[in-house]
Amino acid sequence: MADEAPVFQIQRVYLKEASLEQPNSPAILLEQQQPTVDIQLGVNAGQVADGLFEVTVTATVQTKIGERTVFLVEAKQGGIFELRNLAAEQAGPILGIACPQIVYPYLRGNVADLIQRAGFPPVHLAEINFQAMYEQQQQQGDGAAQPPAVTTQ
């Protein structure tokens, strides 16, 4: 059985969670100030069955004027991937780099669409270097996802 070919297949990509809050509407919509935008991203992976893994990429987008929130969007995009006949040193980078790269474009589209449907100009999430993110997590030694923060004005 050692000569079985490695398997890497996408089983499904899906929107796992999405929420939108506008706690200070409608008054804050009349403000003339430009809001600040804070974007937090995270990646998580776990085994769901023999040879099947769920990888999720989470985005939190919050815009504020001063201390008041204009809107807050939280979304989690998931994917189920089949990985078989791979060494552990091969599976880690696939789950931490390749799978998030597949899931992330769907998350970007869903976040932009949700924000636009709420009546705001869409916020486009930047491209992410998942390899650098994965390598940083490995250097930290804990393997836990430390979401990078991106703040723009």
N, C-alpha and C. Protein backbone atom coordinates (compact mmCIF):
# COMPACT_ATOMS: atom_id res chain seq x y z
N MET A 1 0.81 -1.20 0.00
CA MET A 1 0.00 0.00 0.00
C MET A 1 0.85 1.26 0.00
N ALA A 2 2.13 1.14 0.22
CA ALA A 2 3.01 2.31 0.26
C ALA A 2 3.14 2.98 -1.10
N ASP A 3 2.76 2.27 -2.17
CA ASP A 3 2.90 2.84 -3.50
C ASP A 3 1.61 3.48 -4.01
N GLU A 4 0.62 3.71 -3.12
CA GLU A 4 -0.62 4.36 -3.53
C GLU A 4 -0.35 5.82 -3.86
N ALA A 5 -1.00 6.29 -4.89
CA ALA A 5 -0.80 7.68 -5.33
C ALA A 5 -1.40 8.65 -4.31
N PRO A 6 -0.74 9.79 -4.09
CA PRO A 6 -1.31 10.81 -3.20
C PRO A 6 -2.60 11.38 -3.79
N VAL A 7 -3.51 11.76 -2.91
CA VAL A 7 -4.81 12.30 -3.31
C VAL A 7 -5.00 13.66 -2.66
N PHE A 8 -5.35 14.66 -3.47
CA PHE A 8 -5.75 15.98 -2.98
C PHE A 8 -6.90 16.44 -3.85
N GLN A 9 -8.11 16.51 -3.25
CA GLN A 9 -9.30 16.90 -4.01
C GLN A 9 -10.16 17.85 -3.19
N ILE A 10 -10.78 18.77 -3.90
CA ILE A 10 -11.76 19.66 -3.28
C ILE A 10 -13.09 18.92 -3.26
N GLN A 11 -13.68 18.78 -2.09
CA GLN A 11 -14.99 18.16 -1.98
C GLN A 11 -16.11 19.19 -2.06
N ARG A 12 -15.89 20.34 -1.38
CA ARG A 12 -16.94 21.38 -1.35
C ARG A 12 -16.35 22.67 -0.79
N VAL A 13 -16.82 23.80 -1.33
CA VAL A 13 -16.51 25.12 -0.80
C VAL A 13 -17.85 25.76 -0.45
N TYR A 14 -17.96 26.35 0.76
CA TYR A 14 -19.25 26.86 1.20
C TYR A 14 -19.07 28.03 2.16
N LEU A 15 -20.09 28.88 2.24
CA LEU A 15 -20.13 29.97 3.20
C LEU A 15 -20.66 29.40 4.51
N LYS A 16 -19.80 29.37 5.52
CA LYS A 16 -20.17 28.75 6.79
C LYS A 16 -20.93 29.72 7.70
N GLU A 17 -20.48 30.98 7.74
CA GLU A 17 -21.12 31.99 8.58
C GLU A 17 -20.99 33.34 7.91
N ALA A 18 -21.98 34.21 8.14
CA ALA A 18 -21.89 35.60 7.71
C ALA A 18 -22.81 36.44 8.57
N SER A 19 -22.31 37.59 9.02
CA SER A 19 -23.15 38.50 9.78
C SER A 19 -22.78 39.94 9.45
N LEU A 20 -23.77 40.80 9.56
CA LEU A 20 -23.60 42.23 9.31
C LEU A 20 -24.31 42.98 10.42
N GLU A 21 -23.60 43.95 10.99
CA GLU A 21 -24.21 44.81 12.01
C GLU A 21 -23.98 46.26 11.63
N GLN A 22 -25.02 47.07 11.83
CA GLN A 22 -24.94 48.52 11.64
C GLN A 22 -25.54 49.16 12.90
N PRO A 23 -24.82 49.09 14.02
CA PRO A 23 -25.42 49.48 15.30
C PRO A 23 -25.76 50.97 15.44
N ASN A 24 -25.13 51.83 14.66
CA ASN A 24 -25.37 53.27 14.80
C ASN A 24 -26.13 53.87 13.63
N SER A 25 -26.75 53.02 12.82
CA SER A 25 -27.55 53.51 11.70
C SER A 25 -28.92 53.94 12.21
N PRO A 26 -29.53 54.92 11.63
CA PRO A 26 -29.16 55.64 10.42
C PRO A 26 -28.32 56.89 10.68
N ALA A 27 -28.20 57.33 11.94
CA ALA A 27 -27.54 58.61 12.24
C ALA A 27 -26.12 58.67 11.70
N ILE A 28 -25.36 57.58 11.85
CA ILE A 28 -23.95 57.62 11.44
C ILE A 28 -23.80 57.72 9.92
N LEU A 29 -24.82 57.34 9.18
CA LEU A 29 -24.78 57.42 7.73
C LEU A 29 -24.77 58.86 7.22
N LEU A 30 -25.14 59.80 8.09
CA LEU A 30 -25.16 61.21 7.73
C LEU A 30 -23.82 61.90 8.01
N GLU A 31 -22.89 61.18 8.65
CA GLU A 31 -21.57 61.74 8.96
C GLU A 31 -20.80 62.02 7.68
N GLN A 32 -20.01 63.08 7.70
CA GLN A 32 -19.20 63.46 6.54
C GLN A 32 -17.76 62.96 6.64
N GLN A 33 -17.34 62.50 7.80
CA GLN A 33 -15.97 62.03 8.00
C GLN A 33 -15.74 60.71 7.27
N GLN A 34 -14.49 60.51 6.87
CA GLN A 34 -14.11 59.24 6.24
C GLN A 34 -13.87 58.22 7.35
N PRO A 35 -14.49 57.05 7.27
CA PRO A 35 -14.29 56.04 8.33
C PRO A 35 -12.94 55.33 8.18
N THR A 36 -12.46 54.78 9.29
CA THR A 36 -11.30 53.90 9.25
C THR A 36 -11.80 52.48 9.04
N VAL A 37 -10.98 51.67 8.40
CA VAL A 37 -11.34 50.28 8.13
C VAL A 37 -10.31 49.37 8.78
N ASP A 38 -10.78 48.42 9.57
CA ASP A 38 -9.90 47.45 10.21
C ASP A 38 -10.31 46.06 9.73
N ILE A 39 -9.33 45.30 9.22
CA ILE A 39 -9.61 43.97 8.68
C ILE A 39 -8.75 42.95 9.42
N GLN A 40 -9.40 41.93 9.94
CA GLN A 40 -8.71 40.83 10.63
C GLN A 40 -8.99 39.55 9.85
N LEU A 41 -7.94 38.75 9.64
CA LEU A 41 -8.09 37.49 8.93
C LEU A 41 -7.54 36.35 9.77
N GLY A 42 -8.13 35.17 9.61
CA GLY A 42 -7.66 33.98 10.30
C GLY A 42 -7.90 32.73 9.48
N VAL A 43 -7.07 31.72 9.72
CA VAL A 43 -7.18 30.44 9.03
C VAL A 43 -7.23 29.34 10.10
N ASN A 44 -8.09 28.37 9.87
CA ASN A 44 -8.19 27.24 10.77
C ASN A 44 -8.39 25.97 9.95
N ALA A 45 -7.79 24.88 10.40
CA ALA A 45 -7.94 23.59 9.70
C ALA A 45 -8.14 22.49 10.73
N GLY A 46 -8.96 21.52 10.38
CA GLY A 46 -9.18 20.38 11.26
C GLY A 46 -9.73 19.20 10.49
N GLN A 47 -9.46 18.02 11.03
CA GLN A 47 -9.93 16.79 10.39
C GLN A 47 -11.38 16.56 10.77
N VAL A 48 -12.23 16.24 9.76
CA VAL A 48 -13.65 15.99 10.02
C VAL A 48 -14.02 14.52 9.84
N ALA A 49 -13.21 13.77 9.13
CA ALA A 49 -13.41 12.34 8.92
C ALA A 49 -12.08 11.78 8.40
N ASP A 50 -12.02 10.49 8.23
CA ASP A 50 -10.79 9.87 7.73
C ASP A 50 -10.46 10.40 6.34
N GLY A 51 -9.36 11.12 6.24
CA GLY A 51 -8.92 11.65 4.96
C GLY A 51 -9.62 12.93 4.52
N LEU A 52 -10.57 13.43 5.32
CA LEU A 52 -11.30 14.66 4.99
C LEU A 52 -11.00 15.75 6.01
N PHE A 53 -10.71 16.95 5.50
CA PHE A 53 -10.33 18.07 6.35
C PHE A 53 -11.15 19.29 5.99
N GLU A 54 -11.55 20.05 7.02
CA GLU A 54 -12.22 21.33 6.80
C GLU A 54 -11.19 22.43 7.03
N VAL A 55 -11.11 23.35 6.08
CA VAL A 55 -10.26 24.53 6.20
C VAL A 55 -11.18 25.74 6.12
N THR A 56 -11.09 26.63 7.11
CA THR A 56 -11.90 27.84 7.10
C THR A 56 -11.00 29.07 7.10
N VAL A 57 -11.44 30.07 6.38
CA VAL A 57 -10.79 31.38 6.38
C VAL A 57 -11.84 32.36 6.88
N THR A 58 -11.48 33.12 7.92
CA THR A 58 -12.40 34.04 8.56
C THR A 58 -11.94 35.48 8.33
N ALA A 59 -12.89 36.36 8.04
CA ALA A 59 -12.60 37.79 7.90
C ALA A 59 -13.55 38.58 8.79
N THR A 60 -12.98 39.57 9.47
CA THR A 60 -13.76 40.53 10.24
C THR A 60 -13.41 41.90 9.70
N VAL A 61 -14.41 42.61 9.21
CA VAL A 61 -14.21 43.95 8.65
C VAL A 61 -15.04 44.92 9.48
N GLN A 62 -14.36 45.88 10.10
CA GLN A 62 -15.06 46.87 10.92
C GLN A 62 -14.66 48.26 10.46
N THR A 63 -15.67 49.09 10.21
CA THR A 63 -15.42 50.48 9.87
C THR A 63 -15.95 51.34 11.01
N LYS A 64 -15.18 52.37 11.33
CA LYS A 64 -15.55 53.25 12.44
C LYS A 64 -15.33 54.70 12.05
N ILE A 65 -16.13 55.55 12.64
CA ILE A 65 -15.91 56.99 12.63
C ILE A 65 -15.73 57.34 14.10
N GLY A 66 -14.51 57.71 14.44
CA GLY A 66 -14.19 57.91 15.85
C GLY A 66 -14.29 56.58 16.57
N GLU A 67 -15.09 56.54 17.60
CA GLU A 67 -15.29 55.30 18.36
C GLU A 67 -16.59 54.59 17.98
N ARG A 68 -17.34 55.19 17.06
CA ARG A 68 -18.64 54.62 16.68
C ARG A 68 -18.51 53.74 15.44
N THR A 69 -19.10 52.57 15.51
CA THR A 69 -19.06 51.61 14.41
C THR A 69 -20.04 52.01 13.31
N VAL A 70 -19.53 52.06 12.07
CA VAL A 70 -20.40 52.27 10.91
C VAL A 70 -21.01 50.92 10.55
N PHE A 71 -20.14 49.91 10.30
CA PHE A 71 -20.63 48.55 10.10
C PHE A 71 -19.56 47.56 10.52
N LEU A 72 -20.03 46.37 10.84
CA LEU A 72 -19.16 45.26 11.22
C LEU A 72 -19.62 44.04 10.45
N VAL A 73 -18.72 43.45 9.67
CA VAL A 73 -19.02 42.24 8.92
C VAL A 73 -18.08 41.14 9.39
N GLU A 74 -18.66 40.00 9.69
CA GLU A 74 -17.87 38.81 10.03
C GLU A 74 -18.33 37.69 9.10
N ALA A 75 -17.37 37.05 8.45
CA ALA A 75 -17.71 35.97 7.53
C ALA A 75 -16.67 34.86 7.65
N LYS A 76 -17.16 33.64 7.51
CA LYS A 76 -16.28 32.46 7.55
C LYS A 76 -16.60 31.59 6.35
N GLN A 77 -15.61 31.41 5.49
CA GLN A 77 -15.75 30.59 4.29
C GLN A 77 -15.04 29.26 4.57
N GLY A 78 -15.71 28.17 4.27
CA GLY A 78 -15.14 26.86 4.52
C GLY A 78 -14.94 26.05 3.27
N GLY A 79 -14.09 25.09 3.38
CA GLY A 79 -13.87 24.14 2.31
C GLY A 79 -13.59 22.78 2.90
N ILE A 80 -14.07 21.75 2.25
CA ILE A 80 -13.77 20.38 2.66
C ILE A 80 -12.86 19.78 1.59
N PHE A 81 -11.74 19.25 2.04
CA PHE A 81 -10.71 18.74 1.15
C PHE A 81 -10.38 17.30 1.53
N GLU A 82 -10.14 16.50 0.51
CA GLU A 82 -9.72 15.12 0.71
C GLU A 82 -8.20 15.06 0.53
N LEU A 83 -7.51 14.55 1.55
CA LEU A 83 -6.07 14.35 1.50
C LEU A 83 -5.80 12.91 1.93
N ARG A 84 -5.17 12.16 1.07
CA ARG A 84 -4.83 10.77 1.38
C ARG A 84 -3.44 10.45 0.84
N ASN A 85 -2.80 9.53 1.51
CA ASN A 85 -1.49 9.00 1.10
C ASN A 85 -0.43 10.10 1.02
N LEU A 86 -0.49 11.03 1.96
CA LEU A 86 0.50 12.09 2.04
C LEU A 86 1.25 12.02 3.36
N ALA A 87 2.53 12.32 3.33
CA ALA A 87 3.31 12.40 4.56
C ALA A 87 2.86 13.63 5.35
N ALA A 88 3.03 13.58 6.66
CA ALA A 88 2.61 14.70 7.51
C ALA A 88 3.27 16.00 7.09
N GLU A 89 4.54 15.95 6.68
CA GLU A 89 5.23 17.18 6.28
C GLU A 89 4.68 17.75 4.97
N GLN A 90 3.96 16.93 4.20
CA GLN A 90 3.30 17.42 2.99
C GLN A 90 1.90 17.95 3.30
N ALA A 91 1.20 17.30 4.22
CA ALA A 91 -0.18 17.69 4.54
C ALA A 91 -0.26 19.06 5.19
N GLY A 92 0.68 19.39 6.05
CA GLY A 92 0.66 20.68 6.74
C GLY A 92 0.65 21.86 5.78
N PRO A 93 1.61 21.94 4.84
CA PRO A 93 1.58 23.05 3.89
C PRO A 93 0.35 23.05 2.98
N ILE A 94 -0.16 21.89 2.64
CA ILE A 94 -1.36 21.85 1.80
C ILE A 94 -2.54 22.45 2.56
N LEU A 95 -2.71 22.05 3.83
CA LEU A 95 -3.82 22.57 4.63
C LEU A 95 -3.61 24.03 5.02
N GLY A 96 -2.37 24.45 5.17
CA GLY A 96 -2.10 25.81 5.62
C GLY A 96 -1.86 26.82 4.52
N ILE A 97 -1.57 26.35 3.30
CA ILE A 97 -1.29 27.27 2.20
C ILE A 97 -2.24 27.04 1.02
N ALA A 98 -2.22 25.84 0.45
CA ALA A 98 -2.99 25.57 -0.77
C ALA A 98 -4.50 25.68 -0.53
N CYS A 99 -5.00 25.08 0.54
CA CYS A 99 -6.45 25.11 0.79
C CYS A 99 -6.96 26.52 1.07
N PRO A 100 -6.30 27.31 1.93
CA PRO A 100 -6.77 28.69 2.11
C PRO A 100 -6.73 29.51 0.81
N GLN A 101 -5.74 29.26 -0.05
CA GLN A 101 -5.68 29.96 -1.33
C GLN A 101 -6.89 29.63 -2.21
N ILE A 102 -7.42 28.44 -2.08
CA ILE A 102 -8.61 28.04 -2.84
C ILE A 102 -9.87 28.67 -2.25
N VAL A 103 -9.97 28.71 -0.93
CA VAL A 103 -11.18 29.19 -0.24
C VAL A 103 -11.27 30.72 -0.24
N TYR A 104 -10.14 31.40 -0.12
CA TYR A 104 -10.12 32.86 0.09
C TYR A 104 -10.84 33.67 -0.99
N PRO A 105 -10.70 33.38 -2.28
CA PRO A 105 -11.43 34.19 -3.27
C PRO A 105 -12.95 34.17 -3.07
N TYR A 106 -13.49 33.06 -2.61
CA TYR A 106 -14.92 32.99 -2.34
C TYR A 106 -15.27 33.90 -1.16
N LEU A 107 -14.43 33.90 -0.14
CA LEU A 107 -14.64 34.77 1.02
C LEU A 107 -14.59 36.23 0.59
N ARG A 108 -13.60 36.60 -0.22
CA ARG A 108 -13.47 37.98 -0.69
C ARG A 108 -14.75 38.42 -1.40
N GLY A 109 -15.27 37.58 -2.28
CA GLY A 109 -16.48 37.92 -3.02
C GLY A 109 -17.69 38.05 -2.12
N ASN A 110 -17.83 37.14 -1.17
CA ASN A 110 -18.97 37.19 -0.26
C ASN A 110 -18.94 38.41 0.64
N VAL A 111 -17.75 38.78 1.14
CA VAL A 111 -17.63 39.96 1.99
C VAL A 111 -17.96 41.22 1.19
N ALA A 112 -17.40 41.37 0.00
CA ALA A 112 -17.67 42.55 -0.82
C ALA A 112 -19.16 42.63 -1.16
N ASP A 113 -19.77 41.50 -1.48
CA ASP A 113 -21.19 41.48 -1.83
C ASP A 113 -22.07 41.86 -0.64
N LEU A 114 -21.76 41.31 0.53
CA LEU A 114 -22.55 41.60 1.73
C LEU A 114 -22.48 43.08 2.08
N ILE A 115 -21.29 43.68 2.00
CA ILE A 115 -21.13 45.09 2.31
C ILE A 115 -21.87 45.95 1.29
N GLN A 116 -21.77 45.59 0.03
CA GLN A 116 -22.44 46.36 -1.02
C GLN A 116 -23.96 46.24 -0.89
N ARG A 117 -24.46 45.07 -0.57
CA ARG A 117 -25.91 44.89 -0.40
C ARG A 117 -26.44 45.65 0.82
N ALA A 118 -25.54 45.97 1.76
CA ALA A 118 -25.94 46.76 2.93
C ALA A 118 -26.00 48.25 2.61
N GLY A 119 -25.60 48.62 1.37
CA GLY A 119 -25.70 50.00 0.96
C GLY A 119 -24.40 50.78 1.03
N PHE A 120 -23.30 50.09 1.21
CA PHE A 120 -21.99 50.74 1.30
C PHE A 120 -21.16 50.39 0.07
N PRO A 121 -20.15 51.20 -0.23
CA PRO A 121 -19.22 50.80 -1.29
C PRO A 121 -18.52 49.51 -0.85
N PRO A 122 -18.28 48.57 -1.76
CA PRO A 122 -17.68 47.30 -1.34
C PRO A 122 -16.26 47.51 -0.82
N VAL A 123 -15.91 46.74 0.17
CA VAL A 123 -14.54 46.69 0.69
C VAL A 123 -13.91 45.45 0.07
N HIS A 124 -12.85 45.66 -0.68
CA HIS A 124 -12.18 44.54 -1.33
C HIS A 124 -11.00 44.10 -0.48
N LEU A 125 -11.05 42.87 -0.01
CA LEU A 125 -9.96 42.32 0.79
C LEU A 125 -8.75 42.13 -0.12
N ALA A 126 -7.59 42.48 0.39
CA ALA A 126 -6.35 42.37 -0.38
C ALA A 126 -5.96 40.91 -0.56
N GLU A 127 -5.11 40.67 -1.56
CA GLU A 127 -4.54 39.33 -1.74
C GLU A 127 -3.70 39.00 -0.51
N ILE A 128 -3.68 37.76 -0.13
CA ILE A 128 -2.93 37.32 1.05
C ILE A 128 -1.88 36.31 0.63
N ASN A 129 -0.69 36.42 1.19
CA ASN A 129 0.37 35.46 0.96
C ASN A 129 0.25 34.39 2.06
N PHE A 130 -0.50 33.34 1.77
CA PHE A 130 -0.74 32.30 2.77
C PHE A 130 0.54 31.52 3.10
N GLN A 131 1.48 31.49 2.17
CA GLN A 131 2.74 30.82 2.47
C GLN A 131 3.49 31.57 3.57
N ALA A 132 3.57 32.89 3.46
CA ALA A 132 4.25 33.68 4.49
C ALA A 132 3.50 33.56 5.83
N MET A 133 2.20 33.57 5.78
CA MET A 133 1.39 33.43 6.98
C MET A 133 1.64 32.08 7.65
N TYR A 134 1.68 31.01 6.84
CA TYR A 134 1.92 29.66 7.34
C TYR A 134 3.33 29.56 7.95
N GLU A 135 4.31 30.11 7.25
CA GLU A 135 5.69 30.05 7.75
C GLU A 135 5.84 30.82 9.05
N GLN A 136 5.15 31.94 9.18
CA GLN A 136 5.19 32.71 10.41
C GLN A 136 4.60 31.90 11.57
N GLN A 137 3.49 31.20 11.32
CA GLN A 137 2.88 30.36 12.35
C GLN A 137 3.82 29.23 12.76
N GLN A 138 4.53 28.66 11.78
CA GLN A 138 5.46 27.58 12.09
C GLN A 138 6.63 28.09 12.92
N GLN A 139 7.11 29.29 12.63
CA GLN A 139 8.22 29.87 13.39
C GLN A 139 7.80 30.18 14.82
N GLN A 140 6.53 30.54 14.99
CA GLN A 140 6.03 30.81 16.34
C GLN A 140 5.95 29.52 17.15
N GLY A 141 5.93 28.39 16.45
CA GLY A 141 6.00 27.10 17.11
C GLY A 141 4.71 26.56 17.68
N ASP A 142 3.67 27.38 17.76
CA ASP A 142 2.43 26.88 18.34
C ASP A 142 1.47 26.36 17.30
N GLY A 143 1.67 26.73 16.05
CA GLY A 143 0.78 26.25 14.99
C GLY A 143 -0.58 26.90 14.98
N ALA A 144 -0.88 27.72 15.99
CA ALA A 144 -2.18 28.38 16.06
C ALA A 144 -2.19 29.59 15.14
N ALA A 145 -3.31 29.83 14.54
CA ALA A 145 -3.43 30.95 13.60
C ALA A 145 -3.46 32.26 14.38
N GLN A 146 -2.51 33.12 14.07
CA GLN A 146 -2.51 34.48 14.60
C GLN A 146 -2.96 35.38 13.45
N PRO A 147 -4.21 35.85 13.50
CA PRO A 147 -4.69 36.61 12.36
C PRO A 147 -3.91 37.90 12.18
N PRO A 148 -3.51 38.19 10.94
CA PRO A 148 -2.82 39.44 10.69
C PRO A 148 -3.82 40.60 10.72
N ALA A 149 -3.38 41.74 11.16
CA ALA A 149 -4.22 42.91 11.18
C ALA A 149 -3.85 43.83 10.04
N VAL A 150 -4.85 44.34 9.35
CA VAL A 150 -4.63 45.27 8.26
C VAL A 150 -5.52 46.48 8.55
N THR A 151 -4.92 47.64 8.74
CA THR A 151 -5.69 48.84 9.02
C THR A 151 -5.44 49.85 7.92
N THR A 152 -6.53 50.40 7.37
CA THR A 152 -6.41 51.43 6.34
C THR A 152 -7.29 52.61 6.71
N GLN A 153 -7.02 53.73 6.10
CA GLN A 153 -7.85 54.91 6.33
C GLN A 153 -8.27 55.50 5.03
